[in-house]
């Protein structure tokens, strides 16, 4: 009896052991099959993602408060060579309220499928930086931007340019190191300023568009420009800088004026300046003071005064003829340009394209705008209201250009109101005009 019970127990244990082994094996098979399924789904997703990258099609989904999220694949740090005519734009830097170069560029990058929507809205996400921030109306023939973007999109350069206006072109894109920053890695910047030569006409001569400059005046311009070379305190040549701030000191490498040439009846010269970096309005104020010195409104001692700690009245020349010509990456090229992985950022292969863009868009826009709007001619008419000396709050004659200009504007408004009140618009003469001319003449005599 006992033997029979033991036999039944033994058979029961054996059956339970076989059942347990089969269950474990089945469970392991299920888990393995699930893992394989998940991996297959992941592979399919990756395939779809990479297919979208190579065709330039970005798949959009919605997250959060209906904000688009774009999956484009891995992005790479690149340097981007840009040329543009700044006429009609409020500058390079993105501005939600005004038309900017960066605004059109980011829109083109988004439509080309090389950056996602959230990067376009928050440019810091793509580590965007420009080598130089050009002001309103300023053009560029060698602007460099750094950013992270997808480089596996087919014909991405063509797609970017297809979504840009003709006056903005992206000529080239090069892979860079991860830490490259187009602004911080830049060791120098070269600008040019194209101006009509009548800007240097002596004060005793009548300023006309038919004016032709002499060789002696070009020599005087170059001797004046040479005074700016070296390291100086340029706090008077910008806005918001105190004389004791270290950032007010800038190093000018070269500054010279080229030979005159004639375009569409106007004679022009191109002034070239190279420096490590420049502050807001610095170049335009340097050229503005140079024009005042060459014309005879100011003396060369005004430059020395402007480098001192006191505030000096320095005029700012029009921004129309200013152009960013080239940015320099000498240290970056020495370290990484020959490592076999990265290309040097010299852009010499695009020299012909850059020159063609200058001739097709930048120079014609400057000449046309100058002939139509007469920005330099109008600016020269206001030059006598400057005193080019230290500001003196106790002296009304040296209370600053703002006071004098405000007086001119006030007089012109009063005259305009008088013209509206008169029944015969042809009988408008100008006591206020005579007053402005008299005040301007007295200012010249005092200076």
Protein backbone atom coordinates (compact mmCIF):
# COMPACT_ATOMS: atom_id res chain seq x y z
CA UNK A 1 0.00 0.00 0.00
CA UNK A 2 2.77 2.40 0.93
CA UNK A 3 4.73 1.42 -2.17
CA UNK A 4 1.71 2.24 -4.37
CA UNK A 5 1.31 5.74 -2.77
CA UNK A 6 5.00 6.49 -3.27
CA UNK A 7 4.81 5.49 -6.92
CA UNK A 8 1.82 7.83 -7.54
CA UNK A 9 3.63 10.73 -5.84
CA UNK A 10 6.72 10.09 -7.95
CA UNK A 11 4.69 10.12 -11.17
CA UNK A 12 2.90 13.32 -10.09
CA UNK A 13 6.20 15.12 -9.39
CA UNK A 14 7.57 14.02 -12.77
CA UNK A 15 4.49 15.35 -14.55
CA UNK A 16 4.69 18.67 -12.72
CA UNK A 17 8.38 19.04 -13.63
CA UNK A 18 7.72 18.41 -17.36
CA UNK A 19 4.84 20.95 -17.35
CA UNK A 20 7.04 23.57 -15.65
CA UNK A 21 9.83 23.15 -18.22
CA UNK A 22 7.42 23.50 -21.13
CA UNK A 23 5.87 26.67 -19.59
CA UNK A 24 9.25 28.31 -19.06
CA UNK A 25 10.32 27.45 -22.61
CA UNK A 26 7.03 28.82 -23.98
CA UNK A 27 7.38 32.01 -21.94
CA UNK A 28 10.94 32.52 -23.18
CA UNK A 29 9.80 31.99 -26.76
CA UNK A 30 7.05 34.61 -26.29
CA UNK A 31 9.51 37.11 -24.85
CA UNK A 32 11.99 36.49 -27.67
CA UNK A 33 9.26 36.90 -30.28
CA UNK A 34 8.12 40.16 -28.64
CA UNK A 35 11.70 41.45 -28.62
CA UNK A 36 12.12 40.60 -32.28
CA UNK A 37 8.85 42.35 -33.07
CA UNK A 38 9.93 45.49 -31.21
CA UNK A 39 13.27 45.51 -33.01
CA UNK A 40 11.52 45.11 -36.35
CA UNK A 41 9.21 48.03 -35.59
CA UNK A 42 12.24 50.12 -34.53
CA UNK A 43 14.03 49.25 -37.77
CA UNK A 44 10.98 50.26 -39.78
CA UNK A 45 10.81 53.60 -37.94
CA UNK A 46 14.50 54.19 -38.56
CA UNK A 47 14.07 53.32 -42.21
CA UNK A 48 11.18 55.76 -42.55
CA UNK A 49 13.16 58.44 -40.74
CA UNK A 50 16.25 58.05 -42.94
CA UNK A 51 14.09 57.88 -46.04
CA UNK A 52 12.64 61.23 -45.05
CA UNK A 53 16.14 62.65 -44.50
CA UNK A 54 17.51 61.62 -47.86
CA UNK A 55 14.50 62.89 -49.78
CA UNK A 56 14.27 66.11 -47.82
CA UNK A 57 10.78 65.29 -46.53
CA UNK A 58 10.30 65.94 -42.83
CA UNK A 59 7.59 63.94 -41.03
CA UNK A 60 5.59 66.19 -38.71
CA UNK A 61 3.74 65.09 -35.60
CA UNK A 62 2.01 67.14 -32.95
CA UNK A 63 3.12 67.41 -29.35
CA UNK A 64 1.88 69.50 -26.48
CA UNK A 65 -0.15 72.53 -27.45
CA UNK A 66 -0.25 71.68 -31.16
CA UNK A 67 3.42 72.54 -31.63
CA UNK A 68 5.02 70.85 -34.65
CA UNK A 69 7.90 68.49 -34.04
CA UNK A 70 10.05 67.47 -36.98
CA UNK A 71 12.21 64.36 -37.13
CA UNK A 72 15.03 64.97 -39.57
CA UNK A 73 17.81 62.72 -38.33
CA UNK A 74 21.28 63.70 -37.12
CA UNK A 75 22.53 67.25 -37.63
CA UNK A 76 26.10 68.37 -38.20
CA UNK A 77 27.96 71.59 -37.41
CA UNK A 78 28.64 73.57 -40.57
CA UNK A 79 29.91 76.94 -41.77
CA UNK A 80 27.72 78.66 -44.32
CA UNK A 81 28.98 81.32 -46.79
CA UNK A 82 26.42 84.05 -47.54
CA UNK A 83 26.30 87.06 -49.85
CA UNK A 84 23.49 89.61 -49.80
CA UNK A 85 22.45 93.13 -50.65
CA UNK A 86 21.18 94.83 -47.49
CA UNK A 87 19.04 97.44 -49.27
CA UNK A 88 15.46 97.12 -47.99
CA UNK A 89 16.42 95.15 -44.86
CA UNK A 90 16.70 96.31 -41.25
CA UNK A 91 19.96 94.47 -40.78
CA UNK A 92 21.33 90.95 -40.50
CA UNK A 93 20.01 89.94 -37.06
CA UNK A 94 16.58 88.33 -36.79
CA UNK A 95 13.79 90.70 -35.78
CA UNK A 96 10.15 89.68 -35.48
CA UNK A 97 8.86 93.16 -36.26
CA UNK A 98 11.08 94.04 -39.24
CA UNK A 99 12.44 92.41 -42.37
CA UNK A 100 15.88 90.93 -41.71
CA UNK A 101 18.43 88.80 -43.56
CA UNK A 102 18.35 86.09 -40.89
CA UNK A 103 14.56 85.98 -41.05
CA UNK A 104 14.62 85.09 -44.75
CA UNK A 105 17.53 82.67 -44.23
CA UNK A 106 15.84 80.70 -41.44
CA UNK A 107 12.63 80.47 -43.47
CA UNK A 108 14.60 79.05 -46.40
CA UNK A 109 16.42 76.53 -44.18
CA UNK A 110 13.09 75.36 -42.79
CA UNK A 111 11.45 74.99 -46.19
CA UNK A 112 14.52 73.16 -47.51
CA UNK A 113 14.07 70.55 -44.76
CA UNK A 114 17.48 70.98 -43.09
CA UNK A 115 16.23 72.33 -39.73
CA UNK A 116 13.10 71.47 -37.70
CA UNK A 117 10.34 73.92 -36.78
CA UNK A 118 11.38 74.28 -33.16
CA UNK A 119 14.91 75.27 -34.25
CA UNK A 120 13.49 77.96 -36.51
CA UNK A 121 11.50 79.44 -33.63
CA UNK A 122 14.39 79.22 -31.15
CA UNK A 123 17.62 79.69 -33.08
CA UNK A 124 19.78 78.79 -30.07
CA UNK A 125 18.68 75.18 -30.49
CA UNK A 126 20.61 74.93 -33.75
CA UNK A 127 23.57 76.82 -32.23
CA UNK A 128 23.19 79.61 -34.80
CA UNK A 129 25.76 82.40 -34.91
CA UNK A 130 26.82 85.00 -37.47
CA UNK A 131 30.39 86.29 -37.89
CA UNK A 132 29.28 89.93 -38.00
CA UNK A 133 26.00 91.70 -37.33
CA UNK A 134 25.47 94.11 -40.21
CA UNK A 135 23.21 97.13 -39.69
CA UNK A 136 20.30 98.51 -41.70
CA UNK A 137 21.09 98.74 -45.42
CA UNK A 138 24.55 97.16 -45.05
CA UNK A 139 25.48 94.46 -47.58
CA UNK A 140 27.85 91.49 -47.34
CA UNK A 141 30.05 89.68 -49.85
CA UNK A 142 31.53 87.23 -47.38
CA UNK A 143 29.28 86.69 -44.36
CA UNK A 144 29.84 83.40 -42.53
CA UNK A 145 27.25 81.74 -40.29
CA UNK A 146 27.65 78.63 -38.13
CA UNK A 147 24.81 76.29 -37.24
CA UNK A 148 23.76 72.67 -36.83
CA UNK A 149 21.77 71.35 -39.78
CA UNK A 150 21.03 68.14 -41.68
CA UNK A 151 23.58 67.65 -44.47
CA UNK A 152 22.10 64.42 -45.93
CA UNK A 153 19.23 66.18 -47.71
CA UNK A 154 19.59 65.79 -51.45
CA UNK A 155 20.58 69.05 -53.23
CA UNK A 156 20.10 70.97 -49.99
CA UNK A 157 22.12 73.97 -51.24
CA UNK A 158 19.88 74.37 -54.27
CA UNK A 159 16.75 73.95 -52.15
CA UNK A 160 17.91 76.66 -49.73
CA UNK A 161 18.57 79.14 -52.55
CA UNK A 162 15.25 78.29 -54.22
CA UNK A 163 13.49 79.69 -51.13
CA UNK A 164 15.63 82.85 -50.92
CA UNK A 165 15.14 86.14 -52.78
CA UNK A 166 17.69 86.86 -55.55
CA UNK A 167 19.50 89.45 -53.43
CA UNK A 168 20.42 86.78 -50.85
CA UNK A 169 22.51 83.73 -51.85
CA UNK A 170 24.14 80.86 -49.97
CA UNK A 171 27.24 80.00 -52.00
CA UNK A 172 28.79 77.20 -49.97
CA UNK A 173 28.55 74.97 -46.91
CA UNK A 174 31.49 73.26 -45.17
CA UNK A 175 31.63 70.81 -42.26
CA UNK A 176 33.41 72.21 -39.19
CA UNK A 177 34.44 71.06 -35.75
CA UNK A 178 31.72 70.73 -33.10
CA UNK A 179 33.06 73.70 -31.18
CA UNK A 180 33.29 76.06 -34.16
CA UNK A 181 31.63 79.44 -33.62
CA UNK A 182 31.61 81.81 -36.60
CA UNK A 183 31.84 84.85 -34.30
CA UNK A 184 34.27 83.69 -31.61
CA UNK A 185 36.52 81.76 -34.01
CA UNK A 186 36.88 84.80 -36.29
CA UNK A 187 40.20 86.62 -35.91
CA UNK A 188 39.52 89.52 -38.28
CA UNK A 189 36.92 91.24 -40.44
CA UNK A 190 37.33 93.28 -43.61
CA UNK A 191 34.74 95.91 -44.60
CA UNK A 192 34.51 98.22 -47.60
CA UNK A 193 32.72 101.55 -47.88
CA UNK A 194 31.69 102.79 -51.34
CA UNK A 195 31.04 106.52 -51.43
CA UNK A 196 30.70 109.26 -54.06
CA UNK A 197 33.88 111.33 -54.27
CA UNK A 198 31.93 114.60 -53.81
CA UNK A 199 31.82 113.61 -50.13
CA UNK A 200 35.45 114.85 -49.95
CA UNK A 201 34.91 118.11 -51.83
CA UNK A 202 36.47 121.10 -49.96
CA UNK A 203 33.99 123.18 -47.98
CA UNK A 204 34.49 126.21 -50.23
CA UNK A 205 33.40 124.23 -53.31
CA UNK A 206 29.80 123.57 -54.33
CA UNK A 207 28.92 119.91 -53.82
CA UNK A 208 27.63 118.51 -57.11
CA UNK A 209 27.28 115.04 -58.56
CA UNK A 210 29.59 116.04 -61.43
CA UNK A 211 32.48 116.59 -58.98
CA UNK A 212 35.76 114.78 -59.71
CA UNK A 213 38.30 114.22 -56.97
CA UNK A 214 42.00 115.02 -57.30
CA UNK A 215 44.99 112.90 -56.41
CA UNK A 216 45.98 115.29 -53.61
CA UNK A 217 42.62 114.82 -51.90
CA UNK A 218 42.93 111.02 -52.14
CA UNK A 219 46.36 111.33 -50.49
CA UNK A 220 44.84 113.48 -47.73
CA UNK A 221 42.10 110.88 -47.20
CA UNK A 222 44.67 108.10 -46.86
CA UNK A 223 46.87 110.10 -44.47
CA UNK A 224 43.82 110.73 -42.28
CA UNK A 225 42.71 107.09 -42.38
CA UNK A 226 46.21 105.97 -41.37
CA UNK A 227 45.79 107.76 -38.02
CA UNK A 228 43.21 105.14 -36.98
CA UNK A 229 45.63 102.20 -37.30
CA UNK A 230 46.62 100.42 -34.12
CA UNK A 231 44.82 99.97 -30.81
CA UNK A 232 42.72 102.88 -29.61
CA UNK A 233 39.76 103.65 -27.37
CA UNK A 234 36.75 103.99 -29.69
CA UNK A 235 34.07 104.72 -27.07
CA UNK A 236 33.15 107.92 -28.96
CA UNK A 237 32.65 105.96 -32.17
CA UNK A 238 29.76 103.82 -30.92
CA UNK A 239 26.78 104.02 -28.58
CA UNK A 240 26.48 102.91 -24.96
CA UNK A 241 30.20 102.42 -24.28
CA UNK A 242 32.02 104.01 -21.36
CA UNK A 243 35.67 105.07 -21.81
CA UNK A 244 36.86 102.79 -19.00
CA UNK A 245 35.35 99.63 -20.52
CA UNK A 246 37.94 97.23 -21.91
CA UNK A 247 35.67 96.34 -24.84
CA UNK A 248 35.89 99.96 -26.06
CA UNK A 249 39.46 99.34 -27.23
CA UNK A 250 39.72 97.96 -30.77
CA UNK A 251 42.63 97.10 -33.04
CA UNK A 252 42.65 98.45 -36.61
CA UNK A 253 45.00 96.54 -38.93
CA UNK A 254 44.59 98.45 -42.18
CA UNK A 255 42.57 101.43 -43.45
CA UNK A 256 42.95 102.87 -46.96
CA UNK A 257 41.11 104.52 -49.85
CA UNK A 258 41.32 103.19 -53.40
CA UNK A 259 41.44 105.03 -56.71
CA UNK A 260 38.29 106.68 -58.09
CA UNK A 261 36.08 105.17 -60.79
CA UNK A 262 32.92 106.33 -62.57
CA UNK A 263 29.58 104.50 -62.62
CA UNK A 264 26.45 105.93 -64.25
CA UNK A 265 27.84 109.47 -64.22
CA UNK A 266 28.88 109.40 -60.54
CA UNK A 267 32.47 109.10 -59.39
CA UNK A 268 33.06 106.70 -56.50
CA UNK A 269 35.89 105.46 -54.31
CA UNK A 270 36.02 102.33 -52.16
CA UNK A 271 37.51 102.57 -48.67
CA UNK A 272 38.78 99.28 -47.21
CA UNK A 273 39.21 98.65 -43.49
CA UNK A 274 40.44 95.53 -41.71
CA UNK A 275 40.32 95.02 -37.96
CA UNK A 276 39.88 92.34 -35.33
CA UNK A 277 36.31 93.42 -34.56
CA UNK A 278 34.07 96.46 -34.75
CA UNK A 279 31.37 97.97 -32.59
CA UNK A 280 27.98 99.33 -33.61
CA UNK A 281 28.37 102.32 -36.00
CA UNK A 282 32.16 102.36 -35.44
CA UNK A 283 33.20 102.25 -39.11
CA UNK A 284 30.56 104.76 -40.19
CA UNK A 285 31.65 107.20 -37.49
CA UNK A 286 35.33 106.80 -38.42
CA UNK A 287 34.49 107.59 -42.04
CA UNK A 288 32.13 110.41 -41.01
CA UNK A 289 34.88 112.15 -39.02
CA UNK A 290 37.37 111.57 -41.86
CA UNK A 291 35.01 113.27 -44.33
CA UNK A 292 34.60 116.23 -41.95
CA UNK A 293 38.40 116.57 -41.65
CA UNK A 294 39.09 116.34 -45.39
CA UNK A 295 36.31 118.82 -46.21
CA UNK A 296 37.67 121.30 -43.67
CA UNK A 297 34.95 121.22 -41.00
CA UNK A 298 37.22 119.60 -38.40
CA UNK A 299 40.93 119.21 -37.69
CA UNK A 300 42.95 116.02 -37.25
CA UNK A 301 43.14 116.84 -33.54
CA UNK A 302 39.46 115.82 -33.35
CA UNK A 303 40.56 112.17 -33.71
CA UNK A 304 42.91 112.47 -30.74
CA UNK A 305 40.16 114.12 -28.67
CA UNK A 306 37.76 111.31 -29.58
CA UNK A 307 40.14 108.72 -28.11
CA UNK A 308 40.19 110.56 -24.80
CA UNK A 309 37.83 110.00 -21.85
CA UNK A 310 35.46 112.91 -22.64
CA UNK A 311 32.45 112.73 -24.94
CA UNK A 312 33.08 114.18 -28.40
CA UNK A 313 30.61 115.01 -31.18
CA UNK A 314 31.43 112.51 -33.97
CA UNK A 315 29.13 112.38 -37.06
CA UNK A 316 27.94 109.03 -38.42
CA UNK A 317 28.13 108.54 -42.19
CA UNK A 318 25.24 106.90 -44.11
CA UNK A 319 25.10 103.12 -43.99
CA UNK A 320 24.29 102.66 -47.68
CA UNK A 321 27.82 102.06 -49.03
CA UNK A 322 29.05 99.84 -46.20
CA UNK A 323 29.71 96.17 -47.04
CA UNK A 324 31.15 93.23 -45.10
CA UNK A 325 33.75 92.01 -47.58
CA UNK A 326 35.42 89.09 -45.79
CA UNK A 327 35.80 87.37 -42.43
CA UNK A 328 39.09 85.73 -41.47
CA UNK A 329 39.69 82.41 -39.70
CA UNK A 330 43.48 82.21 -39.73
CA UNK A 331 43.89 80.42 -36.37
CA UNK A 332 41.10 77.93 -37.10
CA UNK A 333 42.57 77.16 -40.53
CA UNK A 334 46.04 76.63 -39.10
CA UNK A 335 44.77 74.16 -36.52
CA UNK A 336 42.05 72.28 -38.39
CA UNK A 337 42.32 73.25 -42.07
CA UNK A 338 44.98 70.64 -42.81
CA UNK A 339 43.91 67.80 -40.51
CA UNK A 340 42.50 65.77 -43.41
CA UNK A 341 38.96 65.95 -42.02
CA UNK A 342 37.97 69.61 -42.18
CA UNK A 343 38.39 72.15 -44.97
CA UNK A 344 39.96 75.58 -44.41
CA UNK A 345 37.40 78.40 -44.27
CA UNK A 346 38.93 80.60 -46.94
CA UNK A 347 36.23 80.31 -49.63
CA UNK A 348 38.72 81.07 -52.42
CA UNK A 349 36.87 78.66 -54.72
CA UNK A 350 33.89 81.05 -54.68
CA UNK A 351 35.86 84.19 -55.62
CA UNK A 352 34.36 84.50 -59.12
CA UNK A 353 30.81 83.97 -57.82
CA UNK A 354 31.33 86.61 -55.13
CA UNK A 355 32.63 89.18 -57.62
CA UNK A 356 29.73 88.47 -59.97
CA UNK A 357 27.21 88.95 -57.14
CA UNK A 358 28.83 92.29 -56.25
CA UNK A 359 28.53 93.49 -59.84
CA UNK A 360 24.97 92.17 -60.28
CA UNK A 361 23.36 93.14 -56.96
CA UNK A 362 25.45 95.05 -54.41
CA UNK A 363 27.10 97.81 -56.46
CA UNK A 364 24.02 98.51 -58.66
CA UNK A 365 21.81 98.72 -55.54
CA UNK A 366 24.20 101.21 -53.89
CA UNK A 367 24.45 103.36 -57.02
CA UNK A 368 20.71 103.30 -57.73
CA UNK A 369 19.76 104.14 -54.13
CA UNK A 370 22.30 106.95 -53.97
CA UNK A 371 21.03 108.49 -57.22
CA UNK A 372 17.38 108.21 -56.15
CA UNK A 373 17.54 108.97 -52.42
CA UNK A 374 20.75 111.06 -52.37
CA UNK A 375 21.65 109.80 -48.91
CA UNK A 376 25.24 111.11 -48.97
CA UNK A 377 24.21 114.46 -50.45
CA UNK A 378 21.55 114.96 -47.78
CA UNK A 379 23.94 113.90 -45.03
CA UNK A 380 26.55 116.41 -46.19
CA UNK A 381 23.96 119.19 -45.88
CA UNK A 382 23.63 118.41 -42.16
CA UNK A 383 27.38 118.17 -41.52
CA UNK A 384 27.72 121.88 -40.53
CA UNK A 385 25.47 121.42 -37.50
CA UNK A 386 28.20 119.30 -35.84
CA UNK A 387 30.93 120.98 -33.82
CA UNK A 388 33.38 118.01 -33.65
CA UNK A 389 34.47 119.04 -30.17
CA UNK A 390 33.90 118.12 -26.53
CA UNK A 391 30.28 118.31 -25.38
CA UNK A 392 29.72 121.27 -23.09
CA UNK A 393 26.29 121.38 -21.38
CA UNK A 394 26.83 125.03 -20.33
CA UNK A 395 27.49 126.20 -23.90
CA UNK A 396 24.44 126.15 -26.21
CA UNK A 397 26.73 126.25 -29.24
CA UNK A 398 28.29 122.97 -28.11
CA UNK A 399 25.29 121.28 -26.60
CA UNK A 400 25.57 118.37 -29.00
CA UNK A 401 24.21 117.47 -32.38
CA UNK A 402 20.89 116.34 -30.89
CA UNK A 403 20.10 119.86 -29.72
CA UNK A 404 21.03 121.43 -33.05
CA UNK A 405 19.26 118.82 -35.11
CA UNK A 406 16.14 119.07 -32.94
CA UNK A 407 16.14 122.83 -33.58
CA UNK A 408 16.37 122.26 -37.34
CA UNK A 409 13.52 119.75 -37.24
CA UNK A 410 11.42 122.14 -35.18
CA UNK A 411 11.97 124.98 -37.63
CA UNK A 412 11.11 122.78 -40.58
CA UNK A 413 7.88 121.64 -38.91
CA UNK A 414 6.90 125.23 -38.23
CA UNK A 415 7.58 126.14 -41.85
CA UNK A 416 5.54 123.18 -43.07
CA UNK A 417 2.62 124.28 -40.89
CA UNK A 418 2.85 127.83 -42.25
CA UNK A 419 2.78 126.49 -45.81
CA UNK A 420 -0.41 124.58 -45.09
CA UNK A 421 -2.06 127.69 -43.62
CA UNK A 422 -1.25 129.90 -46.60
CA UNK A 423 -3.78 130.06 -49.37
CA UNK A 424 -1.21 130.39 -52.16
CA UNK A 425 1.32 127.58 -51.95
CA UNK A 426 3.61 129.32 -54.47
CA UNK A 427 4.30 132.18 -52.08
CA UNK A 428 6.25 130.10 -49.70
CA UNK A 429 9.48 131.63 -48.78
CA UNK A 430 11.43 130.86 -46.12
CA UNK A 431 12.33 132.93 -43.31
CA UNK A 432 13.02 129.69 -41.50
CA UNK A 433 15.23 128.51 -44.37
CA UNK A 434 17.22 131.72 -44.10
CA UNK A 435 17.42 131.23 -40.34
CA UNK A 436 18.69 127.67 -40.76
CA UNK A 437 21.28 128.82 -43.33
CA UNK A 438 22.38 131.67 -41.05
CA UNK A 439 22.71 129.34 -38.05
CA UNK A 440 24.64 126.82 -40.13
CA UNK A 441 27.00 129.53 -41.41
CA UNK A 442 27.62 130.80 -37.89
CA UNK A 443 28.39 127.26 -36.74
CA UNK A 444 30.99 126.96 -39.54
CA UNK A 445 32.58 130.30 -38.56
CA UNK A 446 32.79 129.24 -34.92
CA UNK A 447 34.46 125.94 -35.83
